[in-house]
Amino acid sequence: MSKSTQHTNSPHHYYQHGFTLLEVLITVVILSIGILGLAGLQFNALRSNQGAAQSTIAVLQVIDAADRLRGNLEGVKLNSYNLLKGNSSDPECIQTGCNDPAQLAQYDDWAWQQQIANALPDGQGVICLDSIPNTGTSSEEHECDGNTTNGLRIFAVKVWWDDDHNPNTPRRRHIMSITP
């Protein structure tokens, strides 16, 4: 007699209670970390863009000072532009015409310092004769020596600003030497 065995192929049902919820929770945590990383990258990009914009403004201010020197060569010859560091007041001669080169140099110093102060955070600038221009930390500590270089009157135009608003870090600066 033969016995026949009958196998039933019934699927086993396993219920996974809460596993899908755990997967969703892990996914949310991973996505949150990624989004925080992207926010940090965005913040660094904005800070770098601000620094680049300030550097561009500083370059433009230095070029403006160079143009002012070239526009008043008689004032340069009379040494009216040596050691301009924002001590001048407005001579109020632009409307009526500045009568002498020294008066125009005084106006140039006043106007240039106003532009720097308005365009850069804690912006300062100095125009001076300097044989070693890549020195100085501020308009008060400019380290201009007033010397000519090989008989040439080379002016240093120095601009400083506080790019990170931290008094414990050195100011950023841009310096250009010109012979008007």
N, C-alpha and C. Protein backbone atom coordinates (compact mmCIF):
# COMPACT_ATOMS: atom_id res chain seq x y z
N MET A 1 0.81 -1.13 0.00
CA MET A 1 0.00 0.00 0.00
C MET A 1 0.89 1.23 0.00
N SER A 2 0.53 2.03 -0.72
CA SER A 2 1.37 3.21 -0.83
C SER A 2 0.69 4.38 -0.14
N LYS A 3 1.55 4.97 0.53
CA LYS A 3 1.05 6.15 1.23
C LYS A 3 1.41 7.38 0.42
N SER A 4 0.54 8.17 0.29
CA SER A 4 0.84 9.42 -0.42
C SER A 4 0.83 10.56 0.60
N THR A 5 1.87 11.29 0.50
CA THR A 5 1.95 12.45 1.38
C THR A 5 1.65 13.70 0.56
N GLN A 6 0.95 14.44 1.16
CA GLN A 6 0.56 15.65 0.48
C GLN A 6 1.20 16.83 1.24
N HIS A 7 1.97 17.59 0.49
CA HIS A 7 2.59 18.79 1.07
C HIS A 7 1.79 20.01 0.65
N THR A 8 1.54 20.73 1.56
CA THR A 8 0.85 21.98 1.24
C THR A 8 1.88 23.10 1.22
N ASN A 9 1.91 23.77 0.17
CA ASN A 9 2.82 24.92 0.03
C ASN A 9 2.10 26.20 0.42
N SER A 10 1.95 26.34 1.65
CA SER A 10 1.29 27.57 2.10
C SER A 10 2.36 28.58 2.49
N PRO A 11 2.22 29.79 2.03
CA PRO A 11 3.21 30.83 2.35
C PRO A 11 3.15 31.19 3.83
N HIS A 12 4.33 31.42 4.34
CA HIS A 12 4.41 31.85 5.74
C HIS A 12 4.31 33.37 5.77
N HIS A 13 3.52 33.85 6.56
CA HIS A 13 3.35 35.30 6.69
C HIS A 13 4.09 35.77 7.93
N TYR A 14 5.05 36.69 7.67
CA TYR A 14 5.77 37.30 8.79
C TYR A 14 5.35 38.76 8.84
N TYR A 15 4.95 39.15 9.94
CA TYR A 15 4.53 40.52 10.11
C TYR A 15 5.67 41.31 10.76
N GLN A 16 5.99 42.39 10.13
CA GLN A 16 7.08 43.23 10.63
C GLN A 16 6.49 44.50 11.22
N HIS A 17 6.22 44.45 12.43
CA HIS A 17 5.61 45.58 13.11
C HIS A 17 6.66 46.64 13.40
N GLY A 18 6.47 47.85 12.89
CA GLY A 18 7.33 48.97 13.21
C GLY A 18 8.62 49.07 12.43
N PHE A 19 8.98 48.10 11.65
CA PHE A 19 10.24 48.16 10.91
C PHE A 19 10.19 49.26 9.85
N THR A 20 9.12 49.44 9.18
CA THR A 20 8.99 50.49 8.18
C THR A 20 9.10 51.86 8.84
N LEU A 21 8.52 52.02 10.00
CA LEU A 21 8.63 53.27 10.73
C LEU A 21 10.08 53.55 11.13
N LEU A 22 10.82 52.53 11.51
CA LEU A 22 12.22 52.68 11.85
C LEU A 22 13.04 53.09 10.62
N GLU A 23 12.74 52.52 9.49
CA GLU A 23 13.43 52.90 8.26
C GLU A 23 13.17 54.37 7.92
N VAL A 24 11.94 54.80 8.08
CA VAL A 24 11.60 56.20 7.81
C VAL A 24 12.33 57.12 8.78
N LEU A 25 12.42 56.76 10.03
CA LEU A 25 13.11 57.56 11.03
C LEU A 25 14.60 57.68 10.69
N ILE A 26 15.24 56.61 10.30
CA ILE A 26 16.66 56.64 9.92
C ILE A 26 16.85 57.51 8.68
N THR A 27 15.97 57.40 7.73
CA THR A 27 16.04 58.22 6.52
C THR A 27 15.91 59.70 6.85
N VAL A 28 14.99 60.04 7.74
CA VAL A 28 14.81 61.44 8.13
C VAL A 28 16.07 61.97 8.82
N VAL A 29 16.69 61.16 9.68
CA VAL A 29 17.91 61.60 10.37
C VAL A 29 19.03 61.83 9.35
N ILE A 30 19.20 60.92 8.41
CA ILE A 30 20.25 61.05 7.40
C ILE A 30 20.00 62.28 6.52
N LEU A 31 18.76 62.48 6.10
CA LEU A 31 18.43 63.67 5.31
C LEU A 31 18.65 64.96 6.10
N SER A 32 18.32 64.94 7.38
CA SER A 32 18.53 66.14 8.21
C SER A 32 20.00 66.49 8.30
N ILE A 33 20.85 65.50 8.47
CA ILE A 33 22.30 65.75 8.53
C ILE A 33 22.78 66.30 7.19
N GLY A 34 22.29 65.76 6.11
CA GLY A 34 22.66 66.28 4.79
C GLY A 34 22.21 67.71 4.57
N ILE A 35 21.01 68.03 5.00
CA ILE A 35 20.50 69.39 4.84
C ILE A 35 21.30 70.37 5.71
N LEU A 36 21.67 69.96 6.92
CA LEU A 36 22.51 70.81 7.76
C LEU A 36 23.88 71.05 7.10
N GLY A 37 24.42 70.02 6.48
CA GLY A 37 25.68 70.19 5.76
C GLY A 37 25.55 71.17 4.61
N LEU A 38 24.47 71.08 3.87
CA LEU A 38 24.23 72.03 2.78
C LEU A 38 24.05 73.46 3.29
N ALA A 39 23.39 73.61 4.42
CA ALA A 39 23.21 74.94 5.00
C ALA A 39 24.57 75.52 5.40
N GLY A 40 25.44 74.68 5.95
CA GLY A 40 26.79 75.14 6.29
C GLY A 40 27.58 75.56 5.06
N LEU A 41 27.45 74.80 3.99
CA LEU A 41 28.12 75.17 2.74
C LEU A 41 27.58 76.49 2.20
N GLN A 42 26.29 76.68 2.29
CA GLN A 42 25.68 77.93 1.82
C GLN A 42 26.18 79.11 2.64
N PHE A 43 26.28 78.94 3.95
CA PHE A 43 26.78 80.01 4.81
C PHE A 43 28.22 80.37 4.45
N ASN A 44 29.06 79.36 4.25
CA ASN A 44 30.46 79.62 3.87
C ASN A 44 30.54 80.31 2.51
N ALA A 45 29.68 79.93 1.59
CA ALA A 45 29.68 80.57 0.27
C ALA A 45 29.29 82.04 0.38
N LEU A 46 28.29 82.33 1.19
CA LEU A 46 27.88 83.73 1.37
C LEU A 46 28.99 84.56 2.02
N ARG A 47 29.67 83.97 3.01
CA ARG A 47 30.76 84.69 3.66
C ARG A 47 31.91 84.93 2.68
N SER A 48 32.21 83.96 1.85
CA SER A 48 33.26 84.14 0.84
C SER A 48 32.87 85.19 -0.19
N ASN A 49 31.62 85.20 -0.59
CA ASN A 49 31.15 86.23 -1.54
C ASN A 49 31.26 87.62 -0.93
N GLN A 50 30.93 87.75 0.34
CA GLN A 50 31.04 89.04 1.00
C GLN A 50 32.49 89.49 1.05
N GLY A 51 33.40 88.57 1.37
CA GLY A 51 34.82 88.91 1.39
C GLY A 51 35.34 89.32 0.03
N ALA A 52 34.89 88.64 -1.01
CA ALA A 52 35.30 88.99 -2.36
C ALA A 52 34.76 90.36 -2.77
N ALA A 53 33.53 90.65 -2.38
CA ALA A 53 32.96 91.96 -2.70
C ALA A 53 33.72 93.08 -1.99
N GLN A 54 34.09 92.86 -0.73
CA GLN A 54 34.85 93.86 0.00
C GLN A 54 36.24 94.06 -0.61
N SER A 55 36.87 92.98 -1.05
CA SER A 55 38.18 93.11 -1.71
C SER A 55 38.05 93.91 -2.99
N THR A 56 37.00 93.68 -3.74
CA THR A 56 36.78 94.44 -4.97
C THR A 56 36.58 95.93 -4.67
N ILE A 57 35.81 96.23 -3.63
CA ILE A 57 35.61 97.62 -3.24
C ILE A 57 36.94 98.26 -2.84
N ALA A 58 37.77 97.52 -2.11
CA ALA A 58 39.07 98.06 -1.70
C ALA A 58 39.94 98.36 -2.91
N VAL A 59 39.93 97.47 -3.89
CA VAL A 59 40.71 97.70 -5.11
C VAL A 59 40.20 98.96 -5.82
N LEU A 60 38.89 99.10 -5.90
CA LEU A 60 38.32 100.29 -6.56
C LEU A 60 38.68 101.57 -5.80
N GLN A 61 38.74 101.50 -4.48
CA GLN A 61 39.12 102.68 -3.70
C GLN A 61 40.59 103.05 -3.94
N VAL A 62 41.43 102.05 -4.06
CA VAL A 62 42.85 102.30 -4.34
C VAL A 62 43.01 102.91 -5.72
N ILE A 63 42.28 102.40 -6.69
CA ILE A 63 42.34 102.96 -8.05
C ILE A 63 41.82 104.40 -8.05
N ASP A 64 40.77 104.66 -7.27
CA ASP A 64 40.25 106.02 -7.17
C ASP A 64 41.31 106.97 -6.62
N ALA A 65 42.03 106.53 -5.58
CA ALA A 65 43.09 107.38 -5.02
C ALA A 65 44.19 107.63 -6.05
N ALA A 66 44.55 106.60 -6.81
CA ALA A 66 45.57 106.77 -7.85
C ALA A 66 45.11 107.78 -8.89
N ASP A 67 43.85 107.72 -9.27
CA ASP A 67 43.31 108.69 -10.23
C ASP A 67 43.33 110.10 -9.66
N ARG A 68 43.05 110.23 -8.38
CA ARG A 68 43.09 111.55 -7.74
C ARG A 68 44.51 112.12 -7.77
N LEU A 69 45.51 111.28 -7.52
CA LEU A 69 46.91 111.72 -7.59
C LEU A 69 47.26 112.17 -9.01
N ARG A 70 46.86 111.37 -9.97
CA ARG A 70 47.17 111.70 -11.37
C ARG A 70 46.41 112.94 -11.85
N GLY A 71 45.29 113.22 -11.23
CA GLY A 71 44.50 114.38 -11.62
C GLY A 71 45.00 115.69 -11.03
N ASN A 72 45.92 115.62 -10.09
CA ASN A 72 46.45 116.83 -9.44
C ASN A 72 47.97 116.70 -9.34
N LEU A 73 48.64 116.63 -10.47
CA LEU A 73 50.09 116.45 -10.47
C LEU A 73 50.82 117.61 -9.81
N GLU A 74 50.26 118.80 -9.89
CA GLU A 74 50.89 119.94 -9.21
C GLU A 74 50.85 119.74 -7.69
N GLY A 75 49.76 119.21 -7.18
CA GLY A 75 49.66 118.89 -5.75
C GLY A 75 50.63 117.80 -5.34
N VAL A 76 50.86 116.85 -6.24
CA VAL A 76 51.85 115.79 -5.97
C VAL A 76 53.24 116.41 -5.87
N LYS A 77 53.58 117.29 -6.80
CA LYS A 77 54.90 117.94 -6.78
C LYS A 77 55.10 118.77 -5.53
N LEU A 78 54.04 119.39 -5.04
CA LEU A 78 54.12 120.22 -3.82
C LEU A 78 54.07 119.38 -2.54
N ASN A 79 54.02 118.06 -2.68
CA ASN A 79 53.99 117.12 -1.55
C ASN A 79 52.68 117.21 -0.75
N SER A 80 51.61 117.67 -1.39
CA SER A 80 50.31 117.80 -0.71
C SER A 80 49.62 116.47 -0.48
N TYR A 81 50.06 115.42 -1.16
CA TYR A 81 49.42 114.12 -1.01
C TYR A 81 50.19 113.18 -0.08
N ASN A 82 51.33 113.61 0.43
CA ASN A 82 52.10 112.73 1.30
C ASN A 82 51.46 112.68 2.68
N LEU A 83 51.20 111.48 3.12
CA LEU A 83 50.63 111.17 4.43
C LEU A 83 49.22 111.71 4.62
N LEU A 84 48.39 111.47 3.62
CA LEU A 84 46.96 111.77 3.76
C LEU A 84 46.31 110.56 4.43
N LYS A 85 45.73 110.78 5.58
CA LYS A 85 45.11 109.66 6.30
C LYS A 85 43.80 110.03 6.98
N GLY A 86 43.08 110.92 6.35
CA GLY A 86 41.75 111.24 6.85
C GLY A 86 41.69 112.36 7.86
N ASN A 87 42.73 113.15 7.96
CA ASN A 87 42.72 114.27 8.90
C ASN A 87 42.10 115.53 8.30
N SER A 88 41.82 115.49 7.02
CA SER A 88 41.33 116.69 6.32
C SER A 88 39.83 116.87 6.50
N SER A 89 39.42 118.10 6.41
CA SER A 89 37.99 118.41 6.39
C SER A 89 37.65 118.89 4.98
N ASP A 90 36.38 118.96 4.70
CA ASP A 90 35.94 119.40 3.39
C ASP A 90 36.24 120.90 3.23
N PRO A 91 37.11 121.27 2.28
CA PRO A 91 37.40 122.70 2.09
C PRO A 91 36.28 123.44 1.36
N GLU A 92 35.26 122.70 0.95
CA GLU A 92 34.09 123.27 0.27
C GLU A 92 34.47 124.13 -0.92
N CYS A 93 35.38 123.59 -1.72
CA CYS A 93 35.84 124.36 -2.87
C CYS A 93 35.43 123.74 -4.20
N ILE A 94 34.79 122.59 -4.16
CA ILE A 94 34.46 121.90 -5.41
C ILE A 94 33.41 122.70 -6.20
N GLN A 95 32.41 123.25 -5.52
CA GLN A 95 31.36 124.02 -6.22
C GLN A 95 31.91 125.29 -6.84
N THR A 96 32.81 125.95 -6.12
CA THR A 96 33.34 127.23 -6.59
C THR A 96 34.66 127.08 -7.32
N GLY A 97 35.28 125.91 -7.20
CA GLY A 97 36.58 125.68 -7.83
C GLY A 97 37.70 125.82 -6.81
N CYS A 98 38.44 124.76 -6.63
CA CYS A 98 39.57 124.80 -5.70
C CYS A 98 40.66 125.68 -6.30
N ASN A 99 41.11 126.66 -5.54
CA ASN A 99 42.04 127.66 -6.05
C ASN A 99 43.48 127.18 -6.18
N ASP A 100 43.87 126.25 -5.33
CA ASP A 100 45.25 125.79 -5.42
C ASP A 100 45.31 124.28 -5.29
N PRO A 101 46.42 123.67 -5.72
CA PRO A 101 46.56 122.21 -5.68
C PRO A 101 46.48 121.64 -4.27
N ALA A 102 46.95 122.36 -3.27
CA ALA A 102 46.88 121.87 -1.89
C ALA A 102 45.44 121.77 -1.42
N GLN A 103 44.62 122.72 -1.82
CA GLN A 103 43.21 122.70 -1.46
C GLN A 103 42.50 121.52 -2.13
N LEU A 104 42.85 121.26 -3.39
CA LEU A 104 42.28 120.09 -4.07
C LEU A 104 42.74 118.80 -3.42
N ALA A 105 43.99 118.72 -2.99
CA ALA A 105 44.48 117.53 -2.28
C ALA A 105 43.73 117.34 -0.97
N GLN A 106 43.44 118.43 -0.29
CA GLN A 106 42.67 118.35 0.95
C GLN A 106 41.27 117.80 0.67
N TYR A 107 40.65 118.30 -0.39
CA TYR A 107 39.33 117.79 -0.75
C TYR A 107 39.42 116.31 -1.14
N ASP A 108 40.42 115.94 -1.93
CA ASP A 108 40.58 114.54 -2.34
C ASP A 108 40.71 113.63 -1.12
N ASP A 109 41.50 114.04 -0.15
CA ASP A 109 41.66 113.24 1.07
C ASP A 109 40.32 113.09 1.79
N TRP A 110 39.62 114.20 1.98
CA TRP A 110 38.34 114.15 2.68
C TRP A 110 37.34 113.26 1.94
N ALA A 111 37.19 113.47 0.63
CA ALA A 111 36.20 112.71 -0.15
C ALA A 111 36.57 111.23 -0.20
N TRP A 112 37.84 110.94 -0.38
CA TRP A 112 38.29 109.55 -0.47
C TRP A 112 38.06 108.82 0.85
N GLN A 113 38.36 109.47 1.95
CA GLN A 113 38.14 108.85 3.26
C GLN A 113 36.65 108.60 3.52
N GLN A 114 35.81 109.52 3.07
CA GLN A 114 34.36 109.33 3.22
C GLN A 114 33.90 108.10 2.45
N GLN A 115 34.42 107.94 1.24
CA GLN A 115 34.04 106.78 0.43
C GLN A 115 34.47 105.48 1.09
N ILE A 116 35.69 105.44 1.59
CA ILE A 116 36.19 104.22 2.23
C ILE A 116 35.34 103.88 3.46
N ALA A 117 35.08 104.90 4.29
CA ALA A 117 34.30 104.67 5.51
C ALA A 117 32.90 104.18 5.21
N ASN A 118 32.31 104.66 4.12
CA ASN A 118 30.95 104.25 3.75
C ASN A 118 30.90 102.92 3.04
N ALA A 119 31.98 102.52 2.37
CA ALA A 119 31.95 101.33 1.53
C ALA A 119 32.48 100.08 2.22
N LEU A 120 33.35 100.24 3.22
CA LEU A 120 33.98 99.08 3.87
C LEU A 120 33.74 99.13 5.38
N PRO A 121 33.55 97.98 6.01
CA PRO A 121 33.36 97.99 7.46
C PRO A 121 34.64 98.45 8.18
N ASP A 122 34.52 99.52 8.92
CA ASP A 122 35.65 100.14 9.62
C ASP A 122 36.80 100.42 8.65
N GLY A 123 36.45 100.92 7.46
CA GLY A 123 37.44 101.17 6.42
C GLY A 123 38.30 102.38 6.72
N GLN A 124 39.58 102.25 6.39
CA GLN A 124 40.56 103.31 6.59
C GLN A 124 41.52 103.31 5.42
N GLY A 125 42.12 104.46 5.17
CA GLY A 125 43.09 104.53 4.08
C GLY A 125 44.17 105.56 4.33
N VAL A 126 45.31 105.35 3.67
CA VAL A 126 46.45 106.26 3.76
C VAL A 126 47.04 106.39 2.37
N ILE A 127 47.44 107.62 2.03
CA ILE A 127 48.23 107.87 0.82
C ILE A 127 49.53 108.49 1.31
N CYS A 128 50.66 107.89 0.93
CA CYS A 128 51.93 108.40 1.44
C CYS A 128 53.09 107.98 0.54
N LEU A 129 54.21 108.70 0.69
CA LEU A 129 55.46 108.26 0.09
C LEU A 129 56.00 107.13 0.95
N ASP A 130 56.38 106.04 0.32
CA ASP A 130 56.83 104.90 1.10
C ASP A 130 57.74 104.03 0.25
N SER A 131 58.96 103.82 0.71
CA SER A 131 59.89 102.98 -0.03
C SER A 131 59.66 101.49 0.23
N ILE A 132 58.96 101.17 1.31
CA ILE A 132 58.60 99.78 1.63
C ILE A 132 57.08 99.75 1.86
N PRO A 133 56.30 99.68 0.79
CA PRO A 133 54.85 99.89 0.93
C PRO A 133 54.08 98.76 1.61
N ASN A 134 54.59 97.55 1.60
CA ASN A 134 53.79 96.42 2.10
C ASN A 134 53.90 96.31 3.63
N THR A 135 53.65 97.41 4.31
CA THR A 135 53.72 97.45 5.77
C THR A 135 52.52 98.20 6.31
N GLY A 136 52.34 98.13 7.61
CA GLY A 136 51.27 98.87 8.26
C GLY A 136 50.06 98.02 8.56
N THR A 137 49.38 98.37 9.66
CA THR A 137 48.20 97.61 10.08
C THR A 137 46.95 98.47 10.16
N SER A 138 47.09 99.79 10.09
CA SER A 138 45.94 100.69 10.14
C SER A 138 46.40 102.08 9.72
N SER A 139 45.45 103.01 9.62
CA SER A 139 45.85 104.37 9.24
C SER A 139 46.68 105.03 10.34
N GLU A 140 46.50 104.61 11.58
CA GLU A 140 47.32 105.13 12.67
C GLU A 140 48.72 104.51 12.66
N GLU A 141 48.79 103.23 12.31
CA GLU A 141 50.07 102.50 12.27
C GLU A 141 50.40 102.15 10.82
N HIS A 142 50.51 103.16 10.00
CA HIS A 142 50.68 102.98 8.55
C HIS A 142 52.10 102.60 8.16
N GLU A 143 53.08 102.95 8.97
CA GLU A 143 54.50 102.66 8.74
C GLU A 143 55.02 103.25 7.43
N CYS A 144 54.48 104.36 7.01
CA CYS A 144 55.01 105.07 5.84
C CYS A 144 56.30 105.76 6.25
N ASP A 145 57.34 105.63 5.42
CA ASP A 145 58.63 106.22 5.78
C ASP A 145 58.89 107.57 5.12
N GLY A 146 58.07 107.96 4.15
CA GLY A 146 58.24 109.27 3.50
C GLY A 146 59.43 109.36 2.57
N ASN A 147 60.06 108.23 2.28
CA ASN A 147 61.27 108.22 1.44
C ASN A 147 60.95 107.96 -0.02
N THR A 148 61.83 108.46 -0.86
CA THR A 148 61.75 108.13 -2.28
C THR A 148 62.50 106.83 -2.52
N THR A 149 62.25 106.22 -3.66
CA THR A 149 62.92 104.99 -4.03
C THR A 149 63.73 105.25 -5.29
N ASN A 150 65.06 105.18 -5.17
CA ASN A 150 65.97 105.46 -6.30
C ASN A 150 65.64 106.80 -6.96
N GLY A 151 65.30 107.78 -6.14
CA GLY A 151 64.99 109.11 -6.65
C GLY A 151 63.57 109.26 -7.17
N LEU A 152 62.79 108.19 -7.20
CA LEU A 152 61.41 108.26 -7.67
C LEU A 152 60.45 108.51 -6.51
N ARG A 153 59.47 109.34 -6.77
CA ARG A 153 58.43 109.58 -5.77
C ARG A 153 57.33 108.53 -5.97
N ILE A 154 57.48 107.44 -5.24
CA ILE A 154 56.52 106.33 -5.33
C ILE A 154 55.57 106.44 -4.14
N PHE A 155 54.29 106.60 -4.46
CA PHE A 155 53.27 106.70 -3.43
C PHE A 155 52.68 105.32 -3.17
N ALA A 156 52.43 105.06 -1.91
CA ALA A 156 51.70 103.85 -1.51
C ALA A 156 50.28 104.27 -1.16
N VAL A 157 49.34 103.57 -1.72
CA VAL A 157 47.93 103.77 -1.37
C VAL A 157 47.52 102.51 -0.61
N LYS A 158 47.18 102.69 0.67
CA LYS A 158 46.88 101.56 1.55
C LYS A 158 45.46 101.67 2.07
N VAL A 159 44.73 100.57 1.98
CA VAL A 159 43.36 100.53 2.48
C VAL A 159 43.23 99.32 3.41
N TRP A 160 42.64 99.55 4.58
CA TRP A 160 42.38 98.47 5.54
C TRP A 160 40.89 98.43 5.86
N TRP A 161 40.41 97.23 6.23
CA TRP A 161 39.02 97.09 6.67
C TRP A 161 38.89 95.85 7.54
N ASP A 162 37.84 95.81 8.32
CA ASP A 162 37.57 94.71 9.24
C ASP A 162 36.57 93.77 8.58
N ASP A 163 37.07 92.73 7.94
CA ASP A 163 36.17 91.87 7.16
C ASP A 163 35.41 90.86 8.01
N ASP A 164 35.90 90.53 9.19
CA ASP A 164 35.20 89.52 10.00
C ASP A 164 34.59 90.08 11.28
N HIS A 165 34.65 91.40 11.47
CA HIS A 165 34.07 92.08 12.63
C HIS A 165 34.60 91.51 13.94
N ASN A 166 35.85 91.07 13.91
CA ASN A 166 36.49 90.54 15.10
C ASN A 166 37.71 91.40 15.42
N PRO A 167 37.70 92.13 16.54
CA PRO A 167 38.82 93.01 16.85
C PRO A 167 40.12 92.27 17.16
N ASN A 168 40.04 90.96 17.38
CA ASN A 168 41.24 90.19 17.72
C ASN A 168 42.00 89.69 16.49
N THR A 169 41.41 89.81 15.32
CA THR A 169 42.10 89.37 14.10
C THR A 169 42.60 90.60 13.35
N PRO A 170 43.69 90.45 12.60
CA PRO A 170 44.20 91.62 11.86
C PRO A 170 43.23 92.04 10.76
N ARG A 171 43.29 93.30 10.44
CA ARG A 171 42.46 93.84 9.37
C ARG A 171 42.96 93.32 8.03
N ARG A 172 42.06 93.22 7.09
CA ARG A 172 42.48 92.93 5.72
C ARG A 172 42.97 94.22 5.13
N ARG A 173 43.82 94.11 4.13
CA ARG A 173 44.35 95.32 3.50
C ARG A 173 44.62 95.09 2.02
N HIS A 174 44.62 96.20 1.33
CA HIS A 174 45.01 96.21 -0.07
C HIS A 174 45.95 97.39 -0.26
N ILE A 175 47.08 97.14 -0.89
CA ILE A 175 48.10 98.18 -1.07
C ILE A 175 48.51 98.21 -2.52
N MET A 176 48.68 99.42 -3.05
CA MET A 176 49.18 99.58 -4.40
C MET A 176 50.19 100.72 -4.40
N SER A 177 51.29 100.51 -5.08
CA SER A 177 52.29 101.56 -5.26
C SER A 177 52.12 102.18 -6.63
N ILE A 178 52.17 103.51 -6.67
CA ILE A 178 52.02 104.21 -7.95
C ILE A 178 53.04 105.34 -8.05
N THR A 179 53.42 105.61 -9.25
CA THR A 179 54.24 106.77 -9.55
C THR A 179 53.40 107.65 -10.48
N PRO A 180 52.81 108.72 -9.92
CA PRO A 180 51.90 109.53 -10.73
C PRO A 180 52.62 110.27 -11.85
